[in-house]
Amino acid sequence: MGILLKELQNRDKITRFYKGIIISFNGKRRVLSTSVFNGGIRDDLSYAFNYNCMADERSCELHEESYEKELARNARDLEIDEKVSTGLSTAAWMERASIRTVKYEDLELTAVVTGGIDTNAVRVGDPASYYEKNGEYFFIKPGTINIMLHINAALPPGAMARCLVTATEAKTIAVEELFIGSNYSVGLATGSGTDGTIIISDLESKNVLTDAGEHSKLGEMIGNVVKDAVKEALNKHTDCGAARQHKLLVRTKRYGITMGALWEYYNEHKELFLTNNSENSSESSRNDDAVKNRVKDIDIVNFEKVLNSYNGNSSVVIWSESYVHILDQMRWNMLEWAEGIRSTRNLSEFFLDYMGVKNHQWNFILRKDEDTIKQLIEQLKYVIVVLVTNLDVFGM
Protein backbone atom coordinates (compact mmCIF):
# COMPACT_ATOMS: atom_id res chain seq x y z
CA MET A 1 0.00 0.00 0.00
CA GLY A 2 1.49 3.31 -1.07
CA ILE A 3 5.14 4.16 -1.75
CA LEU A 4 7.67 2.53 0.54
CA LEU A 5 9.96 5.29 1.82
CA LYS A 6 12.02 3.25 4.24
CA GLU A 7 12.08 -0.18 5.89
CA LEU A 8 13.50 0.02 9.38
CA GLN A 9 15.85 -2.37 11.13
CA ASN A 10 13.00 -4.12 12.95
CA ARG A 11 11.00 -4.34 9.70
CA ASP A 12 8.61 -1.53 10.56
CA LYS A 13 7.77 0.32 7.36
CA ILE A 14 7.44 3.99 6.50
CA THR A 15 5.15 4.54 3.52
CA ARG A 16 3.52 7.50 1.80
CA PHE A 17 -0.08 6.90 0.78
CA TYR A 18 -2.76 9.33 -0.35
CA LYS A 19 -2.28 12.44 1.83
CA GLY A 20 -0.24 10.88 4.58
CA ILE A 21 2.91 9.20 5.80
CA ILE A 22 2.31 6.03 7.79
CA ILE A 23 4.62 4.04 10.07
CA SER A 24 3.32 0.46 10.15
CA PHE A 25 4.49 -1.69 13.07
CA ASN A 26 5.76 -5.23 12.55
CA GLY A 27 5.35 -6.19 16.21
CA LYS A 28 4.51 -4.89 19.67
CA ARG A 29 5.43 -1.23 20.08
CA ARG A 30 5.12 1.35 22.83
CA VAL A 31 3.89 4.73 21.58
CA LEU A 32 3.81 8.12 23.28
CA SER A 33 1.65 10.50 21.24
CA THR A 34 0.65 14.11 21.85
CA SER A 35 -2.35 13.58 19.58
CA VAL A 36 -5.94 13.90 20.83
CA PHE A 37 -6.62 10.78 18.77
CA ASN A 38 -5.50 7.66 20.68
CA GLY A 39 -2.82 9.78 22.35
CA GLY A 40 -0.86 9.31 25.55
CA ILE A 41 1.20 6.16 26.21
CA ARG A 42 -0.17 3.13 24.40
CA ASP A 43 1.08 -0.44 23.93
CA ASP A 44 -1.78 -1.59 21.70
CA LEU A 45 -1.30 0.38 18.48
CA SER A 46 -0.27 -0.78 15.02
CA TYR A 47 0.11 2.52 13.14
CA ALA A 48 1.25 6.09 13.51
CA PHE A 49 0.54 8.64 10.79
CA ASN A 50 0.98 12.25 9.73
CA TYR A 51 -1.76 13.59 7.46
CA ASN A 52 -1.81 16.56 5.08
CA CYS A 53 -5.18 18.18 5.69
CA MET A 54 -4.68 20.72 2.90
CA ALA A 55 -3.46 18.62 -0.03
CA ASP A 56 -6.38 19.53 -2.27
CA GLU A 57 -8.13 22.19 -0.20
CA ARG A 58 -7.62 25.91 0.37
CA SER A 59 -7.47 25.56 4.13
CA CYS A 60 -7.49 22.89 6.83
CA GLU A 61 -11.12 22.82 7.82
CA LEU A 62 -12.79 20.22 10.00
CA HIS A 63 -15.24 17.89 8.31
CA GLU A 64 -16.19 16.31 11.64
CA GLU A 65 -17.50 17.81 14.87
CA SER A 66 -14.18 17.55 16.70
CA TYR A 67 -10.48 17.34 15.90
CA GLU A 68 -10.33 13.84 17.40
CA LYS A 69 -13.03 12.59 15.05
CA GLU A 70 -11.34 14.38 12.16
CA LEU A 71 -8.13 12.41 12.80
CA ALA A 72 -10.15 9.18 12.95
CA ARG A 73 -11.54 10.12 9.54
CA ASN A 74 -7.98 10.72 8.33
CA ALA A 75 -7.03 7.20 9.45
CA ARG A 76 -9.89 5.78 7.44
CA ASP A 77 -8.80 7.84 4.43
CA LEU A 78 -5.37 6.23 4.78
CA GLU A 79 -7.05 2.80 4.88
CA ILE A 80 -5.71 1.87 8.31
CA ASP A 81 -7.64 0.71 11.37
CA GLU A 82 -8.58 3.80 13.37
CA LYS A 83 -8.86 1.74 16.58
CA VAL A 84 -5.15 0.90 16.56
CA SER A 85 -3.80 4.16 15.12
CA THR A 86 -2.63 7.51 16.38
CA GLY A 87 -1.96 10.46 14.13
CA LEU A 88 -1.17 14.09 13.56
CA SER A 89 -2.41 16.60 11.01
CA THR A 90 -0.67 19.42 9.19
CA ALA A 91 -0.85 21.72 6.18
CA ALA A 92 2.67 20.67 5.17
CA TRP A 93 3.21 18.47 2.12
CA MET A 94 4.21 14.87 2.76
CA GLU A 95 6.38 14.91 -0.35
CA ARG A 96 8.62 17.45 1.41
CA ALA A 97 9.01 15.50 4.62
CA SER A 98 12.46 14.98 6.06
CA ILE A 99 13.41 11.39 6.92
CA ARG A 100 16.68 11.08 8.81
CA THR A 101 18.33 8.10 10.49
CA VAL A 102 21.21 7.94 12.97
CA LYS A 103 22.93 4.78 14.24
CA TYR A 104 25.26 3.85 17.08
CA GLU A 105 26.22 0.19 17.40
CA ASP A 106 22.83 -1.61 17.38
CA LEU A 107 20.79 1.47 18.28
CA GLU A 108 18.95 3.14 15.39
CA LEU A 109 16.73 6.22 15.43
CA THR A 110 14.66 7.53 12.54
CA ALA A 111 12.90 10.88 12.55
CA VAL A 112 10.10 11.69 10.10
CA VAL A 113 9.37 15.41 10.20
CA THR A 114 7.15 17.80 8.29
CA GLY A 115 7.45 21.48 8.93
CA GLY A 116 5.87 24.83 8.26
CA ILE A 117 6.12 27.77 10.61
CA ASP A 118 5.85 31.06 8.72
CA THR A 119 2.24 31.87 9.65
CA ASN A 120 2.04 30.13 13.02
CA ALA A 121 5.40 30.65 14.74
CA VAL A 122 4.93 31.11 18.46
CA ARG A 123 7.03 31.45 21.61
CA VAL A 124 6.05 29.63 24.78
CA GLY A 125 4.08 32.07 26.90
CA ASP A 126 2.78 34.18 24.00
CA PRO A 127 -0.88 35.27 24.14
CA ALA A 128 -3.18 32.33 23.45
CA SER A 129 -4.97 31.86 20.13
CA TYR A 130 -7.94 29.85 21.40
CA TYR A 131 -9.67 28.53 24.49
CA GLU A 132 -10.83 24.92 24.63
CA LYS A 133 -14.07 24.15 26.38
CA ASN A 134 -16.01 20.90 26.55
CA GLY A 135 -13.87 19.21 23.92
CA GLU A 136 -14.31 21.83 21.21
CA TYR A 137 -11.15 22.39 19.16
CA PHE A 138 -9.86 24.95 16.65
CA PHE A 139 -9.09 24.10 13.03
CA ILE A 140 -5.47 23.49 12.11
CA LYS A 141 -3.60 26.60 11.02
CA PRO A 142 -1.04 26.41 8.21
CA GLY A 143 2.29 26.08 9.92
CA THR A 144 2.94 22.98 12.04
CA ILE A 145 6.04 20.97 12.94
CA ASN A 146 5.08 17.32 13.28
CA ILE A 147 7.66 14.79 14.46
CA MET A 148 7.43 10.99 14.34
CA LEU A 149 10.47 9.50 16.07
CA HIS A 150 11.11 5.76 15.79
CA ILE A 151 13.55 4.06 18.23
CA ASN A 152 14.53 0.41 17.76
CA ALA A 153 14.94 -0.15 21.52
CA ALA A 154 12.55 -0.93 24.37
CA LEU A 155 11.82 2.04 26.62
CA PRO A 156 9.81 2.15 29.87
CA PRO A 157 7.13 4.87 30.19
CA GLY A 158 9.41 7.27 32.06
CA ALA A 159 12.08 7.07 29.37
CA MET A 160 9.42 7.66 26.71
CA ALA A 161 8.41 10.85 28.50
CA ARG A 162 12.06 11.93 28.64
CA CYS A 163 12.34 11.31 24.88
CA LEU A 164 9.49 13.76 24.37
CA VAL A 165 11.29 16.39 26.46
CA THR A 166 14.56 15.92 24.58
CA ALA A 167 12.86 15.91 21.18
CA THR A 168 11.00 19.12 22.05
CA GLU A 169 14.22 20.78 23.17
CA ALA A 170 15.84 19.76 19.88
CA LYS A 171 12.95 21.21 17.88
CA THR A 172 13.23 24.46 19.81
CA ILE A 173 16.97 24.66 19.14
CA ALA A 174 16.35 24.14 15.42
CA VAL A 175 13.78 26.96 15.32
CA GLU A 176 15.91 29.36 17.35
CA GLU A 177 19.07 28.63 15.33
CA LEU A 178 17.09 29.73 12.26
CA PHE A 179 16.21 33.02 14.04
CA ILE A 180 12.49 32.52 13.42
CA GLY A 181 10.48 35.21 15.17
CA SER A 182 7.13 34.65 16.83
CA ASN A 183 4.07 35.96 14.99
CA TYR A 184 2.44 36.76 18.32
CA SER A 185 5.18 38.65 20.20
CA VAL A 186 8.62 40.20 19.67
CA GLY A 187 10.35 37.05 20.97
CA LEU A 188 12.09 34.30 19.03
CA ALA A 189 9.75 31.40 18.31
CA THR A 190 10.10 28.07 20.09
CA GLY A 191 7.90 26.21 17.62
CA SER A 192 4.46 26.60 16.03
CA GLY A 193 1.23 26.71 17.97
CA THR A 194 0.05 23.33 16.70
CA ASP A 195 3.16 21.12 16.83
CA GLY A 196 2.76 17.40 17.49
CA THR A 197 5.09 14.54 18.35
CA ILE A 198 4.82 10.75 18.29
CA ILE A 199 7.56 8.61 19.90
CA ILE A 200 7.71 4.91 19.00
CA SER A 201 9.81 2.28 20.81
CA ASP A 202 10.21 -1.44 20.10
CA LEU A 203 8.98 -3.52 23.04
CA GLU A 204 10.31 -6.68 21.37
CA SER A 205 13.88 -5.38 21.38
CA LYS A 206 16.38 -6.93 23.81
CA ASN A 207 18.02 -3.51 24.13
CA VAL A 208 16.27 -1.80 27.05
CA LEU A 209 17.11 1.89 27.58
CA THR A 210 16.01 3.81 30.65
CA ASP A 211 17.32 7.33 30.02
CA ALA A 212 16.96 9.78 27.15
CA GLY A 213 18.44 12.84 28.83
CA GLU A 214 21.18 14.98 27.33
CA HIS A 215 24.00 13.02 29.03
CA SER A 216 22.87 9.71 27.51
CA LYS A 217 23.81 8.47 24.05
CA LEU A 218 20.12 8.11 23.25
CA GLY A 219 19.54 11.72 24.24
CA GLU A 220 22.44 12.88 22.07
CA MET A 221 21.07 10.97 19.09
CA ILE A 222 17.54 12.30 19.60
CA GLY A 223 18.87 15.84 19.80
CA ASN A 224 20.86 15.58 16.59
CA VAL A 225 18.41 13.67 14.43
CA VAL A 226 15.40 15.78 15.43
CA LYS A 227 17.21 19.10 15.09
CA ASP A 228 18.57 18.20 11.67
CA ALA A 229 15.25 16.80 10.45
CA VAL A 230 13.28 19.86 11.63
CA LYS A 231 15.70 22.20 9.86
CA GLU A 232 15.57 20.13 6.69
CA ALA A 233 11.77 19.93 6.75
CA LEU A 234 11.38 23.69 7.19
CA ASN A 235 13.84 24.34 4.40
CA LYS A 236 12.14 21.89 2.04
CA HIS A 237 8.63 23.17 2.73
CA THR A 238 9.13 26.94 3.00
CA ASP A 239 12.79 27.56 2.05
CA CYS A 240 13.36 28.50 5.68
CA GLY A 241 17.12 28.10 5.82
CA ALA A 242 20.27 30.15 6.20
CA ALA A 243 19.93 31.90 2.84
CA ARG A 244 16.37 33.09 3.43
CA GLN A 245 17.03 34.10 7.02
CA HIS A 246 20.16 36.10 6.16
CA LYS A 247 18.15 39.28 5.62
CA LEU A 248 17.79 42.57 7.47
CA LEU A 249 14.00 42.52 7.20
CA VAL A 250 13.83 38.92 8.43
CA ARG A 251 16.02 39.49 11.49
CA THR A 252 14.12 42.62 12.53
CA LYS A 253 10.57 41.64 11.51
CA ARG A 254 9.56 40.52 15.01
CA TYR A 255 10.18 44.07 16.20
CA GLY A 256 7.88 45.46 13.51
CA ILE A 257 10.54 46.44 10.98
CA THR A 258 9.03 46.03 7.53
CA MET A 259 9.30 47.86 4.24
CA GLY A 260 5.97 49.53 4.95
CA ALA A 261 6.94 50.56 8.48
CA LEU A 262 10.22 52.09 7.27
CA TRP A 263 8.54 53.97 4.43
CA GLU A 264 5.93 55.31 6.83
CA TYR A 265 8.65 56.37 9.28
CA TYR A 266 10.54 58.18 6.52
CA ASN A 267 7.46 60.10 5.46
CA GLU A 268 6.53 61.03 9.02
CA HIS A 269 10.05 62.40 9.70
CA LYS A 270 11.09 63.51 6.23
CA GLU A 271 12.34 66.94 7.27
CA LEU A 272 14.70 65.31 9.77
CA PHE A 273 16.36 63.31 6.98
CA LEU A 274 16.40 66.26 4.58
CA THR A 275 18.26 68.30 7.19
CA ASN A 276 20.75 65.49 7.67
CA ASN A 277 21.43 65.17 3.96
CA SER A 278 21.69 68.94 3.50
CA GLU A 279 24.24 69.29 6.28
CA ASN A 280 26.31 66.38 5.01
CA SER A 281 26.39 67.56 1.37
CA SER A 282 29.41 69.14 -0.24
CA GLU A 283 28.92 72.90 -0.69
CA SER A 284 31.11 72.84 -3.76
CA SER A 285 28.92 70.44 -5.65
CA ARG A 286 25.40 71.07 -4.30
CA ASN A 287 23.47 74.02 -2.98
CA ASP A 288 20.88 73.47 -0.25
CA ASP A 289 17.84 73.85 -2.50
CA ALA A 290 19.15 71.38 -5.03
CA VAL A 291 19.90 68.83 -2.34
CA LYS A 292 16.46 69.15 -0.76
CA ASN A 293 14.69 68.93 -4.10
CA ARG A 294 16.59 65.81 -5.08
CA VAL A 295 16.03 64.13 -1.73
CA LYS A 296 12.30 64.88 -1.92
CA ASP A 297 12.26 62.99 -5.22
CA ILE A 298 12.85 59.68 -3.39
CA ASP A 299 9.67 57.79 -4.06
CA ILE A 300 8.55 54.45 -2.69
CA VAL A 301 9.95 52.53 -5.66
CA ASN A 302 13.46 53.92 -5.23
CA PHE A 303 13.23 53.68 -1.45
CA GLU A 304 12.40 49.98 -1.71
CA LYS A 305 15.11 49.46 -4.33
CA VAL A 306 17.82 50.87 -2.08
CA LEU A 307 16.45 49.02 0.96
CA ASN A 308 16.48 45.74 -0.94
CA SER A 309 20.07 46.36 -2.03
CA TYR A 310 21.02 46.32 1.65
CA ASN A 311 18.64 43.59 2.76
CA GLY A 312 21.15 40.75 2.39
CA ASN A 313 24.30 42.80 3.00
CA SER A 314 26.49 40.98 5.52
CA SER A 315 27.42 44.05 7.55
CA VAL A 316 23.80 45.23 7.68
CA VAL A 317 22.52 41.82 8.77
CA ILE A 318 25.17 41.47 11.49
CA TRP A 319 24.49 44.98 12.80
CA SER A 320 20.72 44.45 12.83
CA GLU A 321 21.01 41.11 14.61
CA SER A 322 23.32 42.65 17.20
CA TYR A 323 20.87 45.50 17.73
CA VAL A 324 17.79 43.32 18.22
CA HIS A 325 19.73 40.98 20.51
CA ILE A 326 20.47 43.97 22.76
CA LEU A 327 16.71 44.64 22.82
CA ASP A 328 16.16 40.99 23.74
CA GLN A 329 18.70 41.24 26.56
CA MET A 330 16.95 44.33 27.90
CA ARG A 331 13.54 42.60 27.85
CA TRP A 332 15.03 39.61 29.67
CA ASN A 333 16.56 41.93 32.30
CA MET A 334 20.03 40.72 31.35
CA LEU A 335 21.18 44.25 30.53
CA GLU A 336 20.57 47.43 32.46
CA TRP A 337 18.48 49.97 30.58
CA ALA A 338 21.35 52.45 30.53
CA GLU A 339 23.61 49.79 29.01
CA GLY A 340 21.08 49.05 26.30
CA ILE A 341 20.51 52.69 25.45
CA ARG A 342 24.23 53.45 25.30
CA SER A 343 25.21 50.32 23.36
CA THR A 344 22.47 50.60 20.68
CA ARG A 345 23.51 54.16 19.89
CA ASN A 346 27.25 53.46 19.95
CA LEU A 347 26.74 50.38 17.79
CA SER A 348 24.59 52.31 15.32
CA GLU A 349 26.92 55.31 15.03
CA PHE A 350 29.86 52.99 14.40
CA PHE A 351 27.76 51.09 11.85
CA LEU A 352 26.77 54.22 9.92
CA ASP A 353 30.39 55.39 9.84
CA TYR A 354 31.52 51.96 8.64
CA MET A 355 28.87 51.99 5.90
CA GLY A 356 30.18 55.33 4.60
CA VAL A 357 27.65 57.72 6.12
CA LYS A 358 30.26 60.30 7.13
CA ASN A 359 29.81 63.26 9.50
CA HIS A 360 26.33 62.10 10.36
CA GLN A 361 24.32 64.48 12.54
CA TRP A 362 22.55 62.24 15.09
CA ASN A 363 19.02 63.59 15.30
CA PHE A 364 17.25 60.86 17.27
CA ILE A 365 16.51 61.93 20.85
CA LEU A 366 15.12 59.57 23.48
CA ARG A 367 12.18 60.94 25.46
CA LYS A 368 12.19 60.25 29.20
CA ASP A 369 8.48 59.68 29.70
CA GLU A 370 7.95 57.11 26.93
CA ASP A 371 8.53 53.36 26.71
CA THR A 372 12.26 52.81 26.20
CA ILE A 373 12.02 49.63 24.13
CA LYS A 374 9.49 51.23 21.79
CA GLN A 375 11.78 54.21 21.37
CA LEU A 376 14.77 52.00 20.64
CA ILE A 377 12.69 50.28 17.95
CA GLU A 378 12.03 53.74 16.51
CA GLN A 379 15.77 54.39 16.71
CA LEU A 380 16.33 51.18 14.75
CA LYS A 381 14.01 52.49 12.04
CA TYR A 382 15.83 55.82 12.12
CA VAL A 383 19.24 54.24 11.48
CA ILE A 384 17.95 52.10 8.60
CA VAL A 385 16.27 55.09 6.96
CA VAL A 386 19.42 57.21 7.40
CA LEU A 387 21.34 54.53 5.51
CA VAL A 388 18.71 54.17 2.78
CA THR A 389 18.26 57.90 2.16
CA ASN A 390 21.93 58.86 2.37
CA LEU A 391 22.78 60.93 -0.72
CA ASP A 392 25.87 58.95 -1.66
CA VAL A 393 23.99 55.67 -1.32
CA PHE A 394 21.10 57.00 -3.37
CA GLY A 395 23.47 58.07 -6.15
CA MET A 396 22.99 61.82 -5.80
Foldseek 3Di string as FASTA:
>chain_A
DAAFPDQDPQRFTWHDDDFKIKTFDPDFKWKAKPFPQPHGTDRQAGMEMEGAQPPPHPWNDAPDQAPNVSVLVVCVVRVHHSVRYYYYYANFGQVLWFWDWDDDDHKIKIKTKAWFAQVFFAAPPFDDDDDDDPRHDDGDGHTEIEIEMEIAAAEDPVQNVQLVVLLLQLQQVLQVVLLACGPRALHRGSGGPRYIYMYMYDNPDPHYDYHLDPVDPNVVRSSVNSSVRHNSNHCSGPVSDDVVSLWLCRNCVSVPDDLVVLVVLCVVPVVVLLVQQLVQDDPVPDHSVRSSVVLVPDDSVLLVVLRVVCTNPNLSSVLSNVLVVLLVCVVVVVDDLVVNVVVNVVSLVVSCVVLPSPPGDDDQDDDDPDDSSNSSSSVVSVSSSSSSSHCVSSPD
